[in-house]
Protein backbone atom coordinates (compact mmCIF):
# COMPACT_ATOMS: atom_id res chain seq x y z
CA MET A 1 27.89 -35.12 4.20
CA SER A 2 28.87 -35.14 7.63
CA LEU A 3 31.94 -33.54 8.40
CA THR A 4 33.04 -35.87 11.19
CA GLY A 5 32.22 -38.96 8.82
CA ILE A 6 34.74 -37.46 6.10
CA VAL A 7 37.18 -36.72 8.90
CA GLN A 8 36.73 -40.57 10.11
CA GLU A 9 37.21 -41.82 6.64
CA TRP A 10 40.06 -39.37 5.58
CA SER A 11 43.50 -41.32 5.23
CA TRP A 12 46.96 -39.66 3.63
CA TRP A 13 46.36 -41.10 0.06
CA TRP A 14 42.97 -38.85 0.16
CA LEU A 15 44.93 -35.52 0.08
CA LEU A 16 46.60 -36.65 -3.33
CA TRP A 17 43.41 -37.83 -4.83
CA GLN A 18 41.54 -34.76 -4.22
CA ALA A 19 44.51 -32.39 -4.74
CA PRO A 20 42.55 -30.65 -7.94
CA ALA A 21 39.25 -30.38 -5.38
CA ALA A 22 41.63 -28.85 -2.71
CA PHE A 23 42.95 -26.17 -5.29
CA VAL A 24 39.67 -25.58 -6.54
CA PHE A 25 38.26 -25.26 -3.12
CA LEU A 26 41.21 -22.98 -1.80
CA ALA A 27 40.64 -20.44 -4.85
CA ALA A 28 37.27 -20.26 -4.60
CA SER A 29 37.47 -19.37 -0.92
CA VAL A 30 39.95 -16.42 -1.72
CA ALA A 31 37.46 -15.47 -4.45
CA GLU A 32 34.64 -15.66 -2.02
CA LEU A 33 36.46 -13.62 0.63
CA GLN A 34 37.51 -11.08 -2.18
CA ARG A 35 41.13 -11.20 -1.02
CA THR A 36 43.67 -10.30 -3.33
CA PRO A 37 44.30 -11.55 -6.01
CA PHE A 38 40.50 -11.67 -5.97
CA ASP A 39 39.47 -8.33 -4.68
CA ALA A 40 38.13 -6.82 -7.96
CA PRO A 41 34.86 -5.29 -5.98
CA ILE A 42 37.24 -3.24 -3.59
CA ALA A 43 39.86 -2.83 -5.85
CA ASP A 44 37.21 -1.18 -8.56
CA SER A 45 37.32 2.44 -6.77
CA GLU A 46 40.93 2.03 -6.14
CA VAL A 47 40.18 4.99 -3.42
CA VAL A 48 42.00 4.09 -0.16
CA PHE A 49 39.86 1.06 0.96
CA GLY A 50 36.92 1.02 -1.98
CA PRO A 51 33.46 1.13 -0.57
CA LEU A 52 34.96 0.51 2.98
CA THR A 53 36.41 4.13 2.88
CA GLU A 54 33.36 5.82 4.23
CA TYR A 55 33.49 3.82 7.38
CA THR A 56 35.63 4.78 10.30
CA GLY A 57 36.23 3.56 13.51
CA LEU A 58 33.94 0.52 14.93
CA ARG A 59 32.26 0.11 11.86
CA PHE A 60 35.45 -0.22 9.85
CA ALA A 61 36.79 -2.73 12.88
CA PHE A 62 33.93 -5.08 12.03
CA PHE A 63 34.26 -4.83 8.59
CA LEU A 64 37.92 -6.14 8.91
CA LEU A 65 36.87 -8.75 11.59
CA ALA A 66 34.29 -10.32 9.34
CA GLU A 67 37.07 -10.38 6.65
CA TYR A 68 38.96 -12.39 8.89
CA ALA A 69 36.32 -14.45 10.65
CA GLY A 70 35.63 -15.44 7.15
CA MET A 71 39.24 -16.53 6.50
CA VAL A 72 39.02 -18.84 9.95
CA VAL A 73 36.07 -20.44 8.87
CA MET A 74 37.60 -21.12 5.62
CA ALA A 75 40.76 -22.46 6.78
CA LEU A 76 39.09 -24.91 9.27
CA LEU A 77 36.57 -25.84 6.58
CA PHE A 78 39.26 -26.52 4.32
CA THR A 79 41.19 -28.65 7.39
CA VAL A 80 38.33 -30.67 7.85
CA LEU A 81 37.54 -31.50 4.39
CA PHE A 82 41.04 -31.94 2.74
CA LEU A 83 43.74 -32.28 5.43
CA GLY A 84 42.30 -34.85 7.93
CA GLY A 85 40.86 -32.24 10.39
CA TRP A 86 41.68 -33.51 13.86
CA ARG A 87 43.51 -36.79 12.95
CA GLY A 88 47.13 -36.47 13.34
CA PRO A 89 50.19 -38.80 12.08
CA TRP A 90 49.17 -41.49 14.46
CA ALA A 91 45.23 -41.13 13.89
CA ASP A 92 45.13 -44.98 14.10
CA ALA A 93 46.74 -45.42 17.77
CA GLU A 94 45.03 -42.50 19.52
CA VAL A 95 43.33 -43.03 22.67
CA VAL A 96 39.95 -41.61 23.20
CA GLY A 97 40.98 -39.16 26.32
CA VAL A 98 43.75 -38.10 24.16
CA VAL A 99 42.05 -37.16 20.75
CA GLY A 100 40.36 -34.39 22.66
CA VAL A 101 42.95 -32.18 23.46
CA VAL A 102 45.31 -33.49 20.81
CA GLY A 103 42.81 -33.08 17.94
CA VAL A 104 41.77 -29.54 18.99
CA LEU A 105 45.98 -28.59 18.77
CA TRP A 106 46.03 -30.38 15.46
CA THR A 107 43.29 -28.81 13.63
CA LEU A 108 44.42 -25.39 14.81
CA LEU A 109 48.10 -26.15 13.35
CA LYS A 110 46.59 -27.03 10.15
CA ALA A 111 44.15 -24.13 10.29
CA THR A 112 46.62 -21.73 10.98
CA ALA A 113 48.95 -22.89 7.77
CA VAL A 114 45.82 -22.87 5.79
CA GLY A 115 45.34 -19.09 7.10
CA LEU A 116 48.86 -18.39 6.21
CA VAL A 117 48.35 -19.73 2.91
CA PHE A 118 45.60 -17.07 2.62
CA LEU A 119 48.04 -14.06 4.05
CA TRP A 120 50.73 -15.31 1.85
CA LEU A 121 48.32 -14.87 -1.67
CA ARG A 122 47.44 -11.76 -0.61
CA VAL A 123 50.90 -10.34 -0.35
CA ALA A 124 52.82 -12.06 -3.08
CA TRP A 125 50.16 -12.02 -5.71
CA PRO A 126 49.24 -9.13 -7.78
CA ARG A 127 45.43 -8.10 -8.68
CA VAL A 128 43.76 -9.82 -11.30
CA ARG A 129 41.50 -8.11 -13.34
CA GLU A 130 37.91 -8.78 -14.07
CA ASP A 131 38.34 -10.52 -17.43
CA GLN A 132 41.59 -12.52 -15.87
CA LEU A 133 39.66 -13.80 -13.13
CA GLN A 134 36.17 -14.71 -15.35
CA ARG A 135 39.02 -16.51 -17.65
CA PHE A 136 40.49 -18.61 -14.67
CA ALA A 137 36.89 -19.61 -13.48
CA TRP A 138 35.78 -20.64 -16.48
CA LEU A 139 39.03 -22.29 -18.48
CA VAL A 140 40.82 -23.67 -15.13
CA LEU A 141 38.25 -23.97 -11.94
CA LEU A 142 35.38 -25.40 -14.00
CA PRO A 143 37.07 -27.73 -15.95
CA VAL A 144 39.39 -29.20 -13.09
CA ALA A 145 36.40 -29.38 -10.95
CA LEU A 146 34.19 -31.21 -13.65
CA LEU A 147 37.36 -33.77 -14.08
CA GLN A 148 37.78 -34.02 -10.53
CA LEU A 149 34.14 -35.16 -10.29
CA ALA A 150 34.48 -37.33 -13.36
CA VAL A 151 37.42 -39.28 -11.97
CA THR A 152 36.03 -39.51 -8.40
CA GLY A 153 32.44 -40.88 -10.12
CA VAL A 154 34.52 -43.30 -11.82
CA GLY A 155 36.71 -44.56 -9.09
CA VAL A 156 33.68 -45.07 -6.67
CA VAL A 157 31.87 -47.08 -9.38
CA PHE A 158 34.69 -49.03 -9.91
CA LEU A 159 36.09 -49.26 -6.62
CA SER A 160 32.73 -50.14 -4.76
């Protein structure tokens, strides 16, 4: 479970193979970060900003900063797990000295794209009710994750 090992073994067909897992990871990340459309704990009171209404100034800024830091961490983790991390389109021909600078730029570019997806989901999708969230988790995300696990297990057994 080395992130470096995952990136070194990554290839373009990996994204197609792991697209269902990427969908589950993205949906779970948005739910974990309590971002719209999965922000039921914050939307519960529907007063200005839910339980964070009591905080002002620096305390409120720290809560928002923690939320956006979580978005950055999830975007970077998604980039490493599903988008090849620091590897670009010419990954096989990279020179060791160039990998450092260009790899950082590629990682930031990919993570920025994933971060924009987080922001787009917040702006474009309406909130879901708690029962809709549970139905989505149990009837969509769990079966997709289990199917992906089974297909990957069968693929590993027959391809090795």
